[in-house]
Each structure stands twice: as structure tokens, then as C-alpha cells.
Protein backbone atom coordinates (compact mmCIF):
# COMPACT_ATOMS: atom_id res chain seq x y z
CA UNK A 1 -0.53 65.16 1.32
CA UNK A 2 0.84 64.55 -2.12
CA UNK A 3 0.91 61.52 -4.02
CA UNK A 4 4.31 60.34 -5.66
CA UNK A 5 4.97 59.07 -9.35
CA UNK A 6 5.37 55.50 -7.63
CA UNK A 7 1.96 55.53 -6.03
CA UNK A 8 0.46 56.44 -8.99
CA UNK A 9 2.22 53.88 -11.03
CA UNK A 10 1.57 51.24 -8.18
CA UNK A 11 -2.32 52.19 -8.24
CA UNK A 12 -2.68 52.26 -12.01
CA UNK A 13 -0.91 48.58 -12.00
CA UNK A 14 -3.26 47.22 -9.60
CA UNK A 15 -6.28 49.00 -11.63
CA UNK A 16 -5.37 47.54 -15.08
CA UNK A 17 -3.61 44.38 -14.39
CA UNK A 18 -0.72 45.58 -15.92
CA UNK A 19 3.34 44.88 -14.95
CA UNK A 20 5.23 48.15 -14.58
CA UNK A 21 7.06 47.27 -17.69
CA UNK A 22 3.53 47.99 -19.70
CA UNK A 23 3.07 44.33 -20.51
CA UNK A 24 -0.35 42.69 -19.70
CA UNK A 25 -0.09 40.28 -17.03
CA UNK A 26 -1.49 36.61 -17.62
CA UNK A 27 -3.75 34.68 -15.49
CA UNK A 28 -3.16 31.19 -14.13
CA UNK A 29 -5.99 28.61 -14.66
CA UNK A 30 -6.42 28.47 -11.05
CA UNK A 31 -7.27 32.64 -11.07
CA UNK A 32 -9.41 31.95 -13.83
CA UNK A 33 -11.54 29.51 -12.27
CA UNK A 34 -11.56 31.33 -8.69
CA UNK A 35 -12.18 34.77 -9.94
CA UNK A 36 -14.68 33.41 -12.30
CA UNK A 37 -13.58 34.93 -15.80
CA UNK A 38 -14.03 31.45 -17.42
CA UNK A 39 -17.87 31.03 -16.26
CA UNK A 40 -18.06 27.72 -18.03
CA UNK A 41 -15.57 25.77 -16.50
CA UNK A 42 -15.90 27.64 -12.68
CA UNK A 43 -19.42 26.88 -12.94
CA UNK A 44 -18.97 23.54 -14.22
CA UNK A 45 -16.52 22.72 -11.02
CA UNK A 46 -18.21 24.72 -8.37
CA UNK A 47 -21.67 22.88 -9.53
CA UNK A 48 -19.87 19.20 -9.48
CA UNK A 49 -18.14 19.76 -6.21
CA UNK A 50 -21.55 21.25 -4.72
CA UNK A 51 -23.24 18.29 -6.38
CA UNK A 52 -20.65 15.85 -4.51
CA UNK A 53 -20.73 17.62 -1.12
CA UNK A 54 -24.61 17.60 -0.80
CA UNK A 55 -24.57 13.92 -1.88
CA UNK A 56 -22.31 12.83 0.61
CA UNK A 57 -22.88 15.28 3.40
CA UNK A 58 -26.75 15.30 3.36
CA UNK A 59 -28.30 12.41 1.60
CA UNK A 60 -25.39 10.37 3.27
CA UNK A 61 -23.90 8.43 0.42
CA UNK A 62 -20.39 7.69 0.53
CA UNK A 63 -18.00 9.49 -1.32
CA UNK A 64 -16.97 6.08 -3.05
CA UNK A 65 -20.26 5.06 -4.36
CA UNK A 66 -21.03 8.95 -5.37
CA UNK A 67 -17.50 8.83 -7.01
CA UNK A 68 -18.29 5.00 -8.84
CA UNK A 69 -21.81 5.96 -9.64
CA UNK A 70 -20.32 9.42 -11.72
CA UNK A 71 -17.90 7.29 -13.50
CA UNK A 72 -20.51 4.87 -14.23
CA UNK A 73 -22.82 7.53 -15.72
CA UNK A 74 -19.83 8.62 -17.93
CA UNK A 75 -18.95 5.25 -19.44
CA UNK A 76 -22.70 4.27 -20.17
CA UNK A 77 -22.72 7.69 -22.05
CA UNK A 78 -19.56 7.06 -23.70
CA UNK A 79 -21.06 3.53 -24.82
CA UNK A 80 -24.73 4.76 -25.66
CA UNK A 81 -22.86 7.70 -27.88
CA UNK A 82 -20.42 5.29 -29.66
CA UNK A 83 -22.78 2.22 -30.38
CA UNK A 84 -25.57 5.12 -31.56
CA UNK A 85 -22.83 6.63 -33.92
CA UNK A 86 -22.39 3.21 -35.44
CA UNK A 87 -25.74 2.66 -36.12
CA UNK A 88 -26.02 6.20 -37.47
CA UNK A 89 -23.46 5.73 -39.81
CA UNK A 90 -24.95 3.64 -41.99
CA UNK A 91 -27.87 6.04 -42.71
CA UNK A 92 -25.89 9.20 -42.56
CA UNK A 93 -22.70 8.64 -43.79
CA UNK A 94 -19.32 8.55 -41.98
CA UNK A 95 -18.25 12.47 -42.78
CA UNK A 96 -21.73 13.85 -41.20
CA UNK A 97 -20.95 11.88 -37.66
CA UNK A 98 -19.09 14.03 -35.32
CA UNK A 99 -16.31 12.29 -33.47
CA UNK A 100 -15.34 13.25 -30.13
CA UNK A 101 -11.71 14.99 -29.45
CA UNK A 102 -9.78 14.91 -26.54
CA UNK A 103 -7.20 17.41 -27.45
CA UNK A 104 -3.75 16.31 -28.14
CA UNK A 105 -1.29 14.76 -25.67
CA UNK A 106 -2.71 14.58 -22.15
CA UNK A 107 0.59 16.26 -20.86
CA UNK A 108 3.85 18.13 -22.78
CA UNK A 109 6.57 17.37 -21.57
CA UNK A 110 8.51 20.37 -21.73
CA UNK A 111 6.99 22.37 -19.38
CA UNK A 112 6.81 19.36 -16.84
CA UNK A 113 10.66 18.87 -17.30
CA UNK A 114 11.55 22.49 -16.65
CA UNK A 115 9.89 22.13 -13.44
CA UNK A 116 11.41 19.23 -12.19
CA UNK A 117 14.35 20.78 -10.64
CA UNK A 118 12.18 22.99 -8.68
CA UNK A 119 9.82 20.29 -7.78
CA UNK A 120 12.74 17.98 -6.32
CA UNK A 121 14.25 21.06 -4.22
CA UNK A 122 11.05 21.65 -3.04
CA UNK A 123 10.44 17.93 -1.64
CA UNK A 124 14.04 17.50 -0.36
CA UNK A 125 13.80 20.90 1.60
CA UNK A 126 10.47 19.93 3.16
CA UNK A 127 12.02 16.21 3.53
CA UNK A 128 14.42 17.67 5.59
CA UNK A 129 12.28 20.20 7.54
CA UNK A 130 10.46 17.32 8.44
CA UNK A 131 12.86 14.86 9.59
CA UNK A 132 14.67 17.66 11.93
CA UNK A 133 11.09 18.16 13.62
CA UNK A 134 10.47 14.37 13.86
CA UNK A 135 14.15 14.06 15.37
CA UNK A 136 13.93 16.75 17.43
CA UNK A 137 16.67 18.86 16.03
CA UNK A 138 15.57 22.11 17.45
CA UNK A 139 13.05 21.88 20.62
CA UNK A 140 11.02 25.38 19.84
CA UNK A 141 10.35 24.26 16.27
CA UNK A 142 9.23 20.44 17.35
CA UNK A 143 6.93 21.88 20.26
CA UNK A 144 5.32 24.74 17.75
CA UNK A 145 4.69 21.49 15.37
CA UNK A 146 2.86 19.80 18.37
CA UNK A 147 0.91 22.56 19.15
CA UNK A 148 -0.05 22.82 15.46
CA UNK A 149 -1.07 19.22 15.23
CA UNK A 150 -3.12 19.11 18.28
CA UNK A 151 -4.95 22.15 16.98
CA UNK A 152 -5.65 20.06 13.66
CA UNK A 153 -6.69 17.44 16.06
CA UNK A 154 -9.04 19.70 18.04
CA UNK A 155 -10.64 21.07 15.08
CA UNK A 156 -10.90 17.50 13.45
CA UNK A 157 -12.81 16.60 16.51
CA UNK A 158 -15.71 19.04 16.26
CA UNK A 159 -16.15 19.08 12.37
CA UNK A 160 -15.96 16.34 10.02
CA UNK A 161 -13.34 16.35 7.17
CA UNK A 162 -15.58 16.81 4.56
CA UNK A 163 -17.44 19.50 5.99
CA UNK A 164 -13.64 21.39 6.38
CA UNK A 165 -13.14 20.70 2.88
CA UNK A 166 -16.69 21.95 1.61
CA UNK A 167 -16.06 25.26 3.81
CA UNK A 168 -12.45 25.67 2.57
CA UNK A 169 -13.74 25.06 -1.21
CA UNK A 170 -16.55 27.54 -0.61
CA UNK A 171 -14.24 30.04 0.66
CA UNK A 172 -12.26 29.77 -2.30
CA UNK A 173 -14.75 30.28 -4.65
CA UNK A 174 -16.90 33.29 -3.24
CA UNK A 175 -14.08 35.17 -1.22
CA UNK A 176 -11.77 36.44 -3.98
CA UNK A 177 -14.77 37.17 -6.12
CA UNK A 178 -16.03 39.35 -3.31
CA UNK A 179 -12.81 40.71 -2.25
CA UNK A 180 -12.48 41.72 -6.24
CA UNK A 181 -16.02 43.48 -6.40
CA UNK A 182 -15.49 45.22 -3.05
CA UNK A 183 -12.05 46.30 -2.92
């Protein structure tokens, strides 16, 4: 069985993450996190979500109390850092005290404005589909939606919401890396 040139190009493209034109494909932030390309960020997210899930699932803390405690810890650390820096300014001088940097703007308006028409089209399309299902425009689609929601109801009765979230979270972090390592 002979291999064609197109098959060779597709295999090389898959192996090297290059487009057929030769340019290197950029990974999105989600790909970098889920495939563990950025170990610090992936580890921080994985550890934080695991900590929250362990505290809420096994130690019976509510999500609201865990979230409030984490925000309080952040605020206390920030308060202590700011006041300790002010106390040390007199002894070390202003130039020797590091100031925290949070980057420039939280959001860059240009990329967001470029995506707004796509988001509006997506929302309008899905709202129209939902309206068609609710108003029973097509019986077959409405019955499929009814079956799907009943299936979600049954899964929800068996597994609590947070357990489902945790299982999906673990799958999202583990399965892509396992697949990539064992293609």
C-alpha cells in the first residue's frame, strides 16, 4: 500500500504542529493550560480547583464559604503587604520597595469589538432555536430536547452538581495530555 504525498504532508503537519503553508500554528490559552504547556498556570488552576472541590465535597464546606475565605485571605495578604511596604519605606527608601504590577488594561477593546458581531449572531441563532423548541415549531426537535432534558434530570438525581463538575474538570485536564502522550 503506497502512501500519497497528501498523506505524508498531513502526517508531518500533525507531528510538527505546522500548517500546510509552513507557518507554525499558535496554541490558544486553553490549549496551553489543558495540555500542560504552561506548567505554572496549569498547576495553579488544577491545584486551586482541586482544593475547592475537596473542601466542598469531602470536608462539607459550602462553596460560598470557601470562596469568601479565599477572598478574605487575598485581602488580608494585600493589606499586610501594603502596610508592611509603607513601614519599610522609611528604612529602605521608596526605590528599594517593590510595587505589585497588575499589567495594563484588564481588557483590550479592539479584539473584543471585532468579536461582537460573531457573538451577537451566535446568541441570536441560539435564542431563535430555543424559541422554536419552546413554541414546538418542529415536534421532532421538541421531543429530542424533552428527552435530553429528562436525561440531564436523571444524571442530576444520581450525581450532585459539584461531583459532575469535578469529574468533567479532571477529564478536561487529564484526558488531552494522556491522548497526546499515547497517540
